[in-house]
Amino acid sequence: MRLNLPAYLIALALISPVLGGCFLDKGQPTLVNVDGNDDDAFCQRNNVKPGSPEYIACRKDRDVQANNANARADRRQRDLGEDMANHPNIPNNNSR
């Protein structure tokens, strides 16, 4: 049986961008306030100076909120995977 190398290379070239996209984007949720500003702008909006104890506390709180959001998203994804593994024949209509 002869191996058709050009056909395999073409197939690999067509499939690799699709597979590469799966590995690059984890889909991390981001915390953005209503105005679309980042954490630094959020913490400085009340004339809080960077480096002050209030600013440091604000940034720590924002980090905790971001970590909690990431943990919730990971937990929901894991729960969905477990649900799908435990019930492969039942469609998941659960909109958590």
N, C-alpha and C. Protein backbone atom coordinates (compact mmCIF):
# COMPACT_ATOMS: atom_id res chain seq x y z
N MET A 1 0.84 -1.17 0.00
CA MET A 1 0.00 0.00 0.00
C MET A 1 0.90 1.24 0.00
N ARG A 2 0.66 2.11 -0.93
CA ARG A 2 1.51 3.28 -1.09
C ARG A 2 0.91 4.47 -0.34
N LEU A 3 1.76 5.22 0.35
CA LEU A 3 1.34 6.38 1.13
C LEU A 3 1.32 7.61 0.23
N ASN A 4 0.20 8.31 0.21
CA ASN A 4 0.05 9.51 -0.62
C ASN A 4 0.37 10.72 0.25
N LEU A 5 1.67 11.06 0.32
CA LEU A 5 2.14 12.12 1.21
C LEU A 5 1.57 13.50 0.89
N PRO A 6 1.49 13.94 -0.37
CA PRO A 6 0.92 15.28 -0.62
C PRO A 6 -0.52 15.43 -0.14
N ALA A 7 -1.32 14.40 -0.26
CA ALA A 7 -2.70 14.48 0.21
C ALA A 7 -2.76 14.65 1.72
N TYR A 8 -1.89 13.94 2.44
CA TYR A 8 -1.86 14.08 3.88
C TYR A 8 -1.37 15.47 4.30
N LEU A 9 -0.41 16.00 3.60
CA LEU A 9 0.09 17.34 3.91
C LEU A 9 -0.97 18.40 3.66
N ILE A 10 -1.72 18.24 2.60
CA ILE A 10 -2.81 19.20 2.31
C ILE A 10 -3.87 19.12 3.39
N ALA A 11 -4.24 17.90 3.78
CA ALA A 11 -5.24 17.72 4.83
C ALA A 11 -4.74 18.32 6.15
N LEU A 12 -3.48 18.11 6.47
CA LEU A 12 -2.91 18.66 7.70
C LEU A 12 -2.88 20.18 7.65
N ALA A 13 -2.57 20.75 6.50
CA ALA A 13 -2.54 22.20 6.36
C ALA A 13 -3.93 22.81 6.51
N LEU A 14 -4.96 22.09 6.09
CA LEU A 14 -6.32 22.59 6.22
C LEU A 14 -6.87 22.45 7.64
N ILE A 15 -6.45 21.42 8.34
CA ILE A 15 -6.99 21.15 9.68
C ILE A 15 -6.23 21.89 10.77
N SER A 16 -4.95 22.17 10.58
CA SER A 16 -4.14 22.74 11.65
C SER A 16 -4.63 24.11 12.15
N PRO A 17 -5.13 25.04 11.31
CA PRO A 17 -5.63 26.29 11.89
C PRO A 17 -6.83 26.08 12.80
N VAL A 18 -7.67 25.13 12.48
CA VAL A 18 -8.85 24.85 13.31
C VAL A 18 -8.41 24.30 14.66
N LEU A 19 -7.48 23.33 14.63
CA LEU A 19 -7.00 22.76 15.88
C LEU A 19 -6.18 23.76 16.67
N GLY A 20 -5.44 24.59 16.00
CA GLY A 20 -4.65 25.61 16.69
C GLY A 20 -5.52 26.60 17.43
N GLY A 21 -6.66 26.94 16.90
CA GLY A 21 -7.56 27.86 17.57
C GLY A 21 -8.12 27.29 18.85
N CYS A 22 -8.27 25.97 18.91
CA CYS A 22 -8.77 25.34 20.13
C CYS A 22 -7.77 25.45 21.27
N PHE A 23 -6.49 25.42 20.94
CA PHE A 23 -5.48 25.43 21.98
C PHE A 23 -5.10 26.84 22.42
N LEU A 24 -5.32 27.84 21.59
CA LEU A 24 -4.88 29.18 21.90
C LEU A 24 -5.84 29.92 22.82
N ASP A 25 -7.13 29.76 22.63
CA ASP A 25 -8.09 30.57 23.37
C ASP A 25 -8.77 29.71 24.42
N LYS A 26 -8.51 30.01 25.68
CA LYS A 26 -9.16 29.28 26.77
C LYS A 26 -10.51 29.88 27.10
N GLY A 27 -10.75 31.09 26.64
CA GLY A 27 -12.04 31.72 26.89
C GLY A 27 -12.19 32.22 28.30
N GLN A 28 -11.17 32.82 28.84
CA GLN A 28 -11.24 33.33 30.19
C GLN A 28 -12.22 34.49 30.28
N PRO A 29 -13.09 34.47 31.27
CA PRO A 29 -13.97 35.62 31.46
C PRO A 29 -13.18 36.81 31.97
N THR A 30 -13.59 37.99 31.58
CA THR A 30 -12.90 39.20 32.03
C THR A 30 -13.87 40.07 32.80
N LEU A 31 -13.34 40.77 33.79
CA LEU A 31 -14.14 41.69 34.56
C LEU A 31 -13.90 43.09 34.02
N VAL A 32 -14.95 43.70 33.54
CA VAL A 32 -14.87 45.07 33.03
C VAL A 32 -16.05 45.81 33.63
N ASN A 33 -15.79 47.01 34.13
CA ASN A 33 -16.90 47.76 34.71
C ASN A 33 -17.81 48.31 33.60
N VAL A 34 -18.85 48.99 33.99
CA VAL A 34 -19.87 49.45 33.05
C VAL A 34 -19.28 50.35 31.96
N ASP A 35 -18.30 51.17 32.33
CA ASP A 35 -17.71 52.08 31.37
C ASP A 35 -16.71 51.40 30.44
N GLY A 36 -16.37 50.13 30.70
CA GLY A 36 -15.41 49.43 29.88
C GLY A 36 -13.97 49.68 30.28
N ASN A 37 -13.74 50.30 31.44
CA ASN A 37 -12.39 50.60 31.90
C ASN A 37 -11.75 49.36 32.52
N ASP A 38 -10.45 49.41 32.67
CA ASP A 38 -9.74 48.32 33.29
C ASP A 38 -9.71 48.49 34.81
N ASP A 39 -9.05 47.56 35.49
CA ASP A 39 -9.00 47.60 36.95
C ASP A 39 -8.32 48.85 37.48
N ASP A 40 -7.27 49.28 36.81
CA ASP A 40 -6.54 50.47 37.27
C ASP A 40 -7.45 51.70 37.25
N ALA A 41 -8.15 51.88 36.15
CA ALA A 41 -9.06 53.03 36.06
C ALA A 41 -10.20 52.89 37.06
N PHE A 42 -10.67 51.66 37.27
CA PHE A 42 -11.76 51.43 38.22
C PHE A 42 -11.33 51.85 39.62
N CYS A 43 -10.10 51.50 40.00
CA CYS A 43 -9.62 51.81 41.35
C CYS A 43 -9.23 53.28 41.51
N GLN A 44 -8.91 53.97 40.42
CA GLN A 44 -8.50 55.37 40.51
C GLN A 44 -9.66 56.35 40.34
N ARG A 45 -10.86 55.88 40.12
CA ARG A 45 -11.95 56.80 39.79
C ARG A 45 -12.36 57.70 40.94
N ASN A 46 -12.04 57.35 42.18
CA ASN A 46 -12.39 58.18 43.33
C ASN A 46 -11.17 58.93 43.85
N ASN A 47 -10.28 59.35 42.95
CA ASN A 47 -9.05 60.08 43.29
C ASN A 47 -8.17 59.30 44.27
N VAL A 48 -8.15 57.98 44.11
CA VAL A 48 -7.27 57.15 44.92
C VAL A 48 -5.94 57.05 44.19
N LYS A 49 -4.86 57.38 44.88
CA LYS A 49 -3.53 57.40 44.27
C LYS A 49 -2.96 55.99 44.21
N PRO A 50 -2.33 55.63 43.10
CA PRO A 50 -1.65 54.33 43.03
C PRO A 50 -0.59 54.23 44.12
N GLY A 51 -0.55 53.09 44.78
CA GLY A 51 0.41 52.87 45.86
C GLY A 51 -0.18 53.10 47.23
N SER A 52 -1.33 53.78 47.31
CA SER A 52 -1.94 54.03 48.62
C SER A 52 -2.61 52.74 49.12
N PRO A 53 -2.84 52.63 50.41
CA PRO A 53 -3.49 51.42 50.95
C PRO A 53 -4.88 51.16 50.34
N GLU A 54 -5.63 52.23 50.06
CA GLU A 54 -6.95 52.05 49.45
C GLU A 54 -6.84 51.48 48.04
N TYR A 55 -5.87 51.98 47.29
CA TYR A 55 -5.66 51.50 45.92
C TYR A 55 -5.24 50.03 45.93
N ILE A 56 -4.33 49.67 46.83
CA ILE A 56 -3.87 48.29 46.92
C ILE A 56 -5.02 47.37 47.31
N ALA A 57 -5.85 47.81 48.25
CA ALA A 57 -7.00 47.00 48.66
C ALA A 57 -7.98 46.84 47.50
N CYS A 58 -8.19 47.91 46.75
CA CYS A 58 -9.10 47.85 45.61
C CYS A 58 -8.59 46.85 44.57
N ARG A 59 -7.30 46.91 44.26
CA ARG A 59 -6.73 46.00 43.27
C ARG A 59 -6.79 44.56 43.74
N LYS A 60 -6.56 44.34 45.05
CA LYS A 60 -6.67 42.97 45.59
C LYS A 60 -8.10 42.47 45.48
N ASP A 61 -9.06 43.34 45.79
CA ASP A 61 -10.47 42.94 45.66
C ASP A 61 -10.81 42.59 44.22
N ARG A 62 -10.32 43.37 43.26
CA ARG A 62 -10.57 43.08 41.85
C ARG A 62 -9.94 41.76 41.43
N ASP A 63 -8.74 41.47 41.96
CA ASP A 63 -8.10 40.19 41.66
C ASP A 63 -8.91 39.03 42.21
N VAL A 64 -9.42 39.19 43.44
CA VAL A 64 -10.24 38.14 44.04
C VAL A 64 -11.50 37.93 43.21
N GLN A 65 -12.13 39.02 42.77
CA GLN A 65 -13.32 38.89 41.93
C GLN A 65 -13.02 38.18 40.63
N ALA A 66 -11.89 38.50 40.00
CA ALA A 66 -11.51 37.85 38.74
C ALA A 66 -11.23 36.37 38.96
N ASN A 67 -10.53 36.04 40.05
CA ASN A 67 -10.25 34.64 40.34
C ASN A 67 -11.52 33.86 40.63
N ASN A 68 -12.46 34.47 41.34
CA ASN A 68 -13.74 33.81 41.61
C ASN A 68 -14.53 33.59 40.32
N ALA A 69 -14.51 34.57 39.42
CA ALA A 69 -15.21 34.40 38.15
C ALA A 69 -14.59 33.29 37.33
N ASN A 70 -13.27 33.20 37.33
CA ASN A 70 -12.60 32.12 36.61
C ASN A 70 -12.92 30.76 37.22
N ALA A 71 -12.95 30.69 38.55
CA ALA A 71 -13.26 29.43 39.23
C ALA A 71 -14.70 29.00 38.92
N ARG A 72 -15.63 29.96 38.91
CA ARG A 72 -17.02 29.62 38.57
C ARG A 72 -17.14 29.10 37.14
N ALA A 73 -16.45 29.75 36.21
CA ALA A 73 -16.50 29.32 34.81
C ALA A 73 -15.89 27.93 34.66
N ASP A 74 -14.77 27.68 35.32
CA ASP A 74 -14.15 26.35 35.26
C ASP A 74 -15.05 25.29 35.87
N ARG A 75 -15.68 25.62 37.00
CA ARG A 75 -16.57 24.67 37.66
C ARG A 75 -17.78 24.35 36.78
N ARG A 76 -18.35 25.37 36.14
CA ARG A 76 -19.50 25.14 35.26
C ARG A 76 -19.11 24.28 34.06
N GLN A 77 -17.93 24.51 33.51
CA GLN A 77 -17.47 23.70 32.38
C GLN A 77 -17.23 22.26 32.82
N ARG A 78 -16.62 22.08 33.98
CA ARG A 78 -16.38 20.73 34.49
C ARG A 78 -17.71 20.02 34.78
N ASP A 79 -18.66 20.72 35.39
CA ASP A 79 -19.96 20.13 35.67
C ASP A 79 -20.68 19.72 34.39
N LEU A 80 -20.59 20.56 33.37
CA LEU A 80 -21.21 20.23 32.09
C LEU A 80 -20.57 19.00 31.48
N GLY A 81 -19.24 18.91 31.54
CA GLY A 81 -18.54 17.73 31.00
C GLY A 81 -18.92 16.47 31.75
N GLU A 82 -19.00 16.56 33.08
CA GLU A 82 -19.40 15.40 33.87
C GLU A 82 -20.83 14.99 33.56
N ASP A 83 -21.71 15.96 33.40
CA ASP A 83 -23.11 15.68 33.08
C ASP A 83 -23.22 14.99 31.72
N MET A 84 -22.45 15.47 30.77
CA MET A 84 -22.47 14.86 29.44
C MET A 84 -21.87 13.47 29.46
N ALA A 85 -20.84 13.25 30.27
CA ALA A 85 -20.23 11.92 30.36
C ALA A 85 -21.14 10.93 31.07
N ASN A 86 -21.87 11.40 32.07
CA ASN A 86 -22.76 10.52 32.82
C ASN A 86 -24.07 10.23 32.11
N HIS A 87 -24.49 11.10 31.20
CA HIS A 87 -25.75 10.94 30.48
C HIS A 87 -25.52 11.18 28.99
N PRO A 88 -24.85 10.25 28.31
CA PRO A 88 -24.48 10.52 26.91
C PRO A 88 -25.66 10.55 25.95
N ASN A 89 -26.77 9.94 26.30
CA ASN A 89 -27.91 9.86 25.37
C ASN A 89 -28.97 10.91 25.62
N ILE A 90 -28.80 11.72 26.65
CA ILE A 90 -29.79 12.74 27.01
C ILE A 90 -29.25 14.10 26.61
N PRO A 91 -29.96 14.83 25.76
CA PRO A 91 -29.48 16.18 25.41
C PRO A 91 -29.52 17.10 26.62
N ASN A 92 -28.54 17.96 26.71
CA ASN A 92 -28.44 18.87 27.86
C ASN A 92 -29.18 20.16 27.53
N ASN A 93 -30.35 20.33 28.13
CA ASN A 93 -31.13 21.55 27.94
C ASN A 93 -31.03 22.43 29.18
N ASN A 94 -30.02 22.23 29.98
CA ASN A 94 -29.87 22.94 31.23
C ASN A 94 -29.13 24.25 30.97
N SER A 95 -29.80 25.37 31.16
CA SER A 95 -29.16 26.68 30.95
C SER A 95 -28.83 27.27 32.31
N ARG A 96 -27.73 26.83 32.87
CA ARG A 96 -27.33 27.26 34.21
C ARG A 96 -27.00 28.70 34.25
